[in-house]
Amino acid sequence: MPEGHKTHYLSHQHDQTFAGQSLDVTSPQGRFADGARKVNGRVLESVRAAGKHLFFEFEGNRVVHVHLGRYGSFAEQASPPEEPRGQVRVRMVGKERTLDLRGPTQCRVIDMETQASIEESLGPDPLAGGKKADVWNNFRSRSKPIGGLLLDQSLIAGVGNIFRAEVLFEIGMNPHLHGDAMSQADFDRLWKSLSKMMKLGLKHGRIISVTAKEAGKPLKELANHERFRVYGKDECPRCGGPIAIDSVASRKMHWCPSCQA
């Protein structure tokens, strides 16, 4: 599932490419046909992200709300486009580029009031000016594992399974530590690492936790399996011990019981 770095990356990309244009919007698959008619021919004013949500803001108080979920993806091509391939939920055709959306968990037309309600339900977003103090207040009173709190979008927006595993490993924090047992110093280390890692993910359009020195090559040259320290790994890169996989907040949590004791 794309995490917050990816939605912000996509919003910047799509805003630069399509904002200010009147778009031809269709649903080749047919499942978004009614929604497509509501925005077809309208000017796309901007594209914004909040946590894992994307908002394509059209003139006339009409917003296409997209949550990619585990299987959603975008693909661009030149305009005029080729015939649709596969299950294209939404096609937006601009002057020079065409955007296809496939497999989102959610895709619907809403108004800006509903958009505001969605954003208000989310916790602070580190990539959208979310405040450190607000997240600290959200965490320190919870008697739940930090590995679960990080995935709670009402407490902090945009963090997913990979970020939580990589950040907690980087700072050596046990994912089972409860929020109300964290010290201010614990949280400060967590916030610093998370902010840095999410900004790096935004820059590259994909999550990268290793340094170029660790990888032995520039970050832009890393293959997918080289980008992480513990997520999807069997062996800890620090101590050489086995990586454990626990269920935390109903998701698989990769961590090192030795380095994160």
Protein backbone atom coordinates (compact mmCIF):
# COMPACT_ATOMS: atom_id res chain seq x y z
CA MET A 1 0.00 0.00 0.00
CA PRO A 2 1.47 3.39 -0.97
CA GLU A 3 2.40 5.41 2.10
CA GLY A 4 2.28 9.18 2.59
CA HIS A 5 5.48 9.91 0.70
CA LYS A 6 3.95 8.40 -2.44
CA THR A 7 0.65 10.29 -2.31
CA HIS A 8 2.51 13.58 -1.85
CA TYR A 9 4.89 12.65 -4.67
CA LEU A 10 1.95 11.86 -6.96
CA SER A 11 0.05 15.00 -6.00
CA HIS A 12 3.03 17.19 -6.91
CA GLN A 13 3.53 15.33 -10.17
CA HIS A 14 -0.13 15.39 -11.24
CA ASP A 15 -0.62 18.99 -10.17
CA GLN A 16 2.30 20.12 -12.30
CA THR A 17 1.14 18.09 -15.31
CA PHE A 18 -2.64 18.61 -15.30
CA ALA A 19 -3.69 21.56 -13.10
CA GLY A 20 -5.22 24.48 -14.98
CA GLN A 21 -6.51 22.32 -17.84
CA SER A 22 -10.00 21.28 -18.84
CA LEU A 23 -9.85 17.48 -18.76
CA ASP A 24 -11.79 14.85 -20.63
CA VAL A 25 -12.69 12.39 -17.89
CA THR A 26 -14.10 8.93 -18.61
CA SER A 27 -14.34 5.53 -16.96
CA PRO A 28 -13.33 2.89 -19.54
CA GLN A 29 -14.06 0.17 -16.99
CA GLY A 30 -17.47 1.69 -16.26
CA ARG A 31 -17.35 1.60 -12.45
CA PHE A 32 -16.75 5.36 -12.21
CA ALA A 33 -19.06 6.36 -15.07
CA ASP A 34 -21.38 8.56 -12.96
CA GLY A 35 -18.46 10.27 -11.25
CA ALA A 36 -16.66 10.85 -14.54
CA ARG A 37 -19.70 12.65 -15.94
CA LYS A 38 -19.72 15.01 -12.96
CA VAL A 39 -16.20 16.32 -13.66
CA ASN A 40 -15.80 15.73 -17.41
CA GLY A 41 -14.87 18.94 -19.23
CA ARG A 42 -14.19 20.85 -16.03
CA VAL A 43 -10.92 22.59 -15.16
CA LEU A 44 -8.72 20.75 -12.67
CA GLU A 45 -7.70 23.50 -10.26
CA SER A 46 -5.23 21.55 -8.12
CA VAL A 47 -4.18 18.14 -6.81
CA ARG A 48 -3.52 17.77 -3.09
CA ALA A 49 -2.53 15.00 -0.69
CA ALA A 50 -3.38 14.39 2.94
CA GLY A 51 -1.86 11.29 4.47
CA LYS A 52 -2.71 8.42 2.12
CA HIS A 53 -5.54 10.34 0.41
CA LEU A 54 -5.42 12.18 -2.92
CA PHE A 55 -7.81 14.96 -3.91
CA PHE A 56 -8.22 16.11 -7.52
CA GLU A 57 -9.94 19.47 -7.05
CA PHE A 58 -12.10 20.50 -10.03
CA GLU A 59 -13.91 23.78 -10.54
CA GLY A 60 -17.48 23.94 -9.26
CA ASN A 61 -16.81 22.35 -5.85
CA ARG A 62 -16.25 18.87 -7.24
CA VAL A 63 -13.40 16.74 -5.96
CA VAL A 64 -12.28 13.30 -7.09
CA HIS A 65 -11.21 11.54 -3.90
CA VAL A 66 -8.77 8.65 -4.41
CA HIS A 67 -7.35 6.17 -1.92
CA LEU A 68 -5.05 3.78 -3.73
CA GLY A 69 -5.15 1.03 -1.14
CA ARG A 70 -2.98 -2.03 -1.76
CA TYR A 71 -3.51 -2.38 -5.49
CA GLY A 72 -4.23 1.09 -6.89
CA SER A 73 -1.81 2.67 -9.35
CA PHE A 74 -1.50 5.50 -11.86
CA ALA A 75 0.01 5.37 -15.34
CA GLU A 76 0.77 8.28 -17.67
CA GLN A 77 1.10 8.41 -21.43
CA ALA A 78 1.07 11.01 -24.17
CA SER A 79 -2.18 12.49 -25.51
CA PRO A 80 -4.06 11.45 -27.51
CA PRO A 81 -3.85 8.14 -25.63
CA GLU A 82 -3.83 4.56 -26.82
CA GLU A 83 -6.89 2.38 -26.30
CA PRO A 84 -7.31 1.50 -22.59
CA ARG A 85 -5.63 -1.69 -21.43
CA GLY A 86 -6.86 -3.61 -18.42
CA GLN A 87 -9.32 -2.32 -15.85
CA VAL A 88 -8.94 1.46 -16.13
CA ARG A 89 -11.23 2.97 -13.50
CA VAL A 90 -10.59 6.60 -14.51
CA ARG A 91 -8.96 8.19 -17.53
CA MET A 92 -8.14 11.93 -17.50
CA VAL A 93 -7.02 13.32 -20.84
CA GLY A 94 -5.19 16.63 -20.94
CA LYS A 95 -3.59 18.59 -23.74
CA GLU A 96 -0.29 16.73 -23.73
CA ARG A 97 -0.60 13.93 -21.18
CA THR A 98 -3.17 11.31 -20.17
CA LEU A 99 -3.56 9.81 -16.71
CA ASP A 100 -5.06 6.36 -16.07
CA LEU A 101 -6.07 5.06 -12.65
CA ARG A 102 -6.41 1.33 -11.97
CA GLY A 103 -7.50 -0.66 -8.94
CA PRO A 104 -8.01 1.98 -6.22
CA THR A 105 -9.69 1.07 -2.96
CA GLN A 106 -11.73 4.24 -3.21
CA CYS A 107 -12.55 6.60 -6.06
CA ARG A 108 -15.54 8.92 -5.79
CA VAL A 109 -16.69 12.49 -6.39
CA ILE A 110 -17.20 14.55 -3.24
CA ASP A 111 -17.52 18.25 -2.39
CA MET A 112 -14.94 20.34 -0.56
CA GLU A 113 -16.89 20.14 2.69
CA THR A 114 -16.57 16.35 2.66
CA GLN A 115 -12.90 16.72 1.76
CA ALA A 116 -12.39 18.97 4.78
CA SER A 117 -14.12 16.40 6.98
CA ILE A 118 -11.78 13.66 5.76
CA GLU A 119 -8.73 15.81 6.41
CA GLU A 120 -9.99 16.73 9.88
CA SER A 121 -10.31 13.03 10.74
CA LEU A 122 -6.60 12.51 10.07
CA GLY A 123 -3.77 13.08 12.48
CA PRO A 124 -0.89 15.46 11.71
CA ASP A 125 0.87 14.72 8.40
CA PRO A 126 4.67 15.11 8.69
CA LEU A 127 4.87 15.97 4.98
CA ALA A 128 2.17 18.63 5.17
CA GLY A 129 3.38 20.69 8.11
CA GLY A 130 2.03 18.39 10.83
CA LYS A 131 3.28 19.50 14.23
CA LYS A 132 5.57 17.35 16.32
CA ALA A 133 3.90 18.47 19.56
CA ASP A 134 0.48 17.36 18.33
CA VAL A 135 1.72 13.87 17.49
CA TRP A 136 3.48 13.62 20.86
CA ASN A 137 0.22 14.50 22.60
CA ASN A 138 -1.58 11.85 20.54
CA PHE A 139 0.93 9.15 21.48
CA ARG A 140 1.90 9.75 25.10
CA SER A 141 -1.52 9.01 26.60
CA ARG A 142 -2.11 5.74 24.69
CA SER A 143 -1.55 2.41 26.41
CA LYS A 144 -1.02 0.67 23.07
CA PRO A 145 2.18 -0.45 21.29
CA ILE A 146 4.01 2.22 19.32
CA GLY A 147 4.04 -0.22 16.39
CA GLY A 148 0.26 0.11 16.31
CA LEU A 149 0.03 3.82 17.08
CA LEU A 150 2.18 4.63 14.05
CA LEU A 151 -0.39 2.99 11.76
CA ASP A 152 -3.37 4.82 13.29
CA GLN A 153 -4.17 7.48 10.69
CA SER A 154 -6.19 9.47 13.21
CA LEU A 155 -3.02 9.95 15.29
CA ILE A 156 -0.46 10.50 12.51
CA ALA A 157 -1.21 10.52 8.79
CA GLY A 158 0.76 8.83 6.06
CA VAL A 159 2.78 6.22 7.95
CA GLY A 160 2.42 2.64 6.76
CA ASN A 161 3.91 -0.78 7.43
CA ILE A 162 7.31 -0.15 5.85
CA PHE A 163 7.96 3.23 7.44
CA ARG A 164 7.10 1.97 10.92
CA ALA A 165 9.41 -1.05 10.66
CA GLU A 166 12.33 0.90 9.24
CA VAL A 167 12.04 3.88 11.57
CA LEU A 168 11.71 1.80 14.73
CA PHE A 169 14.73 -0.27 13.70
CA GLU A 170 16.79 2.82 12.90
CA ILE A 171 16.30 4.22 16.41
CA GLY A 172 16.42 0.81 18.15
CA MET A 173 12.89 1.05 19.59
CA ASN A 174 10.86 -1.99 20.53
CA PRO A 175 7.58 -1.94 18.53
CA HIS A 176 5.75 -3.31 21.60
CA LEU A 177 6.67 -0.30 23.77
CA HIS A 178 3.44 1.45 24.77
CA GLY A 179 2.92 5.08 23.94
CA ASP A 180 2.40 6.06 27.57
CA ALA A 181 5.74 4.44 28.45
CA MET A 182 7.68 6.58 25.96
CA SER A 183 9.86 9.41 27.19
CA GLN A 184 10.08 12.75 25.46
CA ALA A 185 13.59 11.78 24.36
CA ASP A 186 12.23 8.53 22.86
CA PHE A 187 9.65 10.45 20.89
CA ASP A 188 12.13 13.10 19.76
CA ARG A 189 14.32 10.38 18.20
CA LEU A 190 11.28 8.79 16.60
CA TRP A 191 10.02 12.06 15.09
CA LYS A 192 13.47 13.05 13.79
CA SER A 193 13.97 9.69 12.07
CA LEU A 194 10.44 9.53 10.68
CA SER A 195 10.52 13.08 9.28
CA LYS A 196 13.88 12.46 7.63
CA MET A 197 12.83 9.13 6.12
CA MET A 198 9.49 10.43 4.80
CA LYS A 199 11.15 13.46 3.20
CA LEU A 200 13.70 11.18 1.54
CA GLY A 201 10.84 9.02 0.28
CA LEU A 202 9.12 12.08 -1.15
CA LYS A 203 12.33 13.14 -2.91
CA HIS A 204 12.89 9.75 -4.56
CA GLY A 205 9.26 8.66 -4.93
CA ARG A 206 9.94 5.47 -2.97
CA ILE A 207 10.89 4.49 0.58
CA ILE A 208 14.63 4.26 1.24
CA SER A 209 15.98 3.61 4.73
CA VAL A 210 19.59 2.72 4.00
CA THR A 211 22.31 5.30 3.40
CA ALA A 212 24.42 5.43 0.26
CA LYS A 213 27.40 4.40 2.40
CA GLU A 214 25.56 1.31 3.66
CA ALA A 215 24.41 0.40 0.17
CA GLY A 216 27.75 1.07 -1.46
CA LYS A 217 26.09 2.93 -4.32
CA PRO A 218 24.01 6.08 -4.98
CA LEU A 219 20.47 5.86 -3.61
CA LYS A 220 18.94 6.39 -7.04
CA GLU A 221 20.60 3.17 -8.24
CA LEU A 222 19.17 0.91 -5.52
CA ALA A 223 17.10 -2.10 -6.54
CA ASN A 224 13.89 -2.66 -4.58
CA HIS A 225 15.37 -5.34 -2.32
CA GLU A 226 18.31 -3.07 -1.44
CA ARG A 227 16.26 -0.16 -0.08
CA PHE A 228 15.36 -1.54 3.36
CA ARG A 229 17.19 -2.68 6.48
CA VAL A 230 14.63 -5.01 8.07
CA TYR A 231 11.37 -4.97 6.12
CA GLY A 232 11.10 -8.23 4.21
CA LYS A 233 14.51 -9.35 5.48
CA ASP A 234 15.53 -12.55 7.26
CA GLU A 235 18.72 -11.36 8.92
CA CYS A 236 19.52 -8.21 10.91
CA PRO A 237 22.14 -6.03 9.15
CA ARG A 238 23.57 -4.97 12.55
CA CYS A 239 23.82 -8.07 14.71
CA GLY A 240 23.29 -10.79 12.15
CA GLY A 241 20.47 -12.30 14.21
CA PRO A 242 17.09 -13.36 12.81
CA ILE A 243 14.43 -10.79 12.01
CA ALA A 244 11.19 -11.47 13.89
CA ILE A 245 7.75 -11.03 12.35
CA ASP A 246 5.01 -10.22 14.85
CA SER A 247 1.43 -9.13 14.32
CA VAL A 248 1.05 -5.56 15.57
CA ALA A 249 -2.21 -3.74 14.79
CA SER A 250 -3.16 -6.70 12.58
CA ARG A 251 -0.19 -6.12 10.27
CA LYS A 252 3.10 -7.99 9.98
CA MET A 253 5.80 -6.14 11.88
CA HIS A 254 9.47 -6.82 10.99
CA TRP A 255 11.94 -6.11 13.80
CA CYS A 256 15.12 -7.33 15.49
CA PRO A 257 14.49 -8.60 19.06
CA SER A 258 18.19 -8.12 19.85
CA CYS A 259 18.77 -4.61 18.51
CA GLN A 260 15.30 -3.37 19.51
CA ALA A 261 15.07 -5.03 22.93
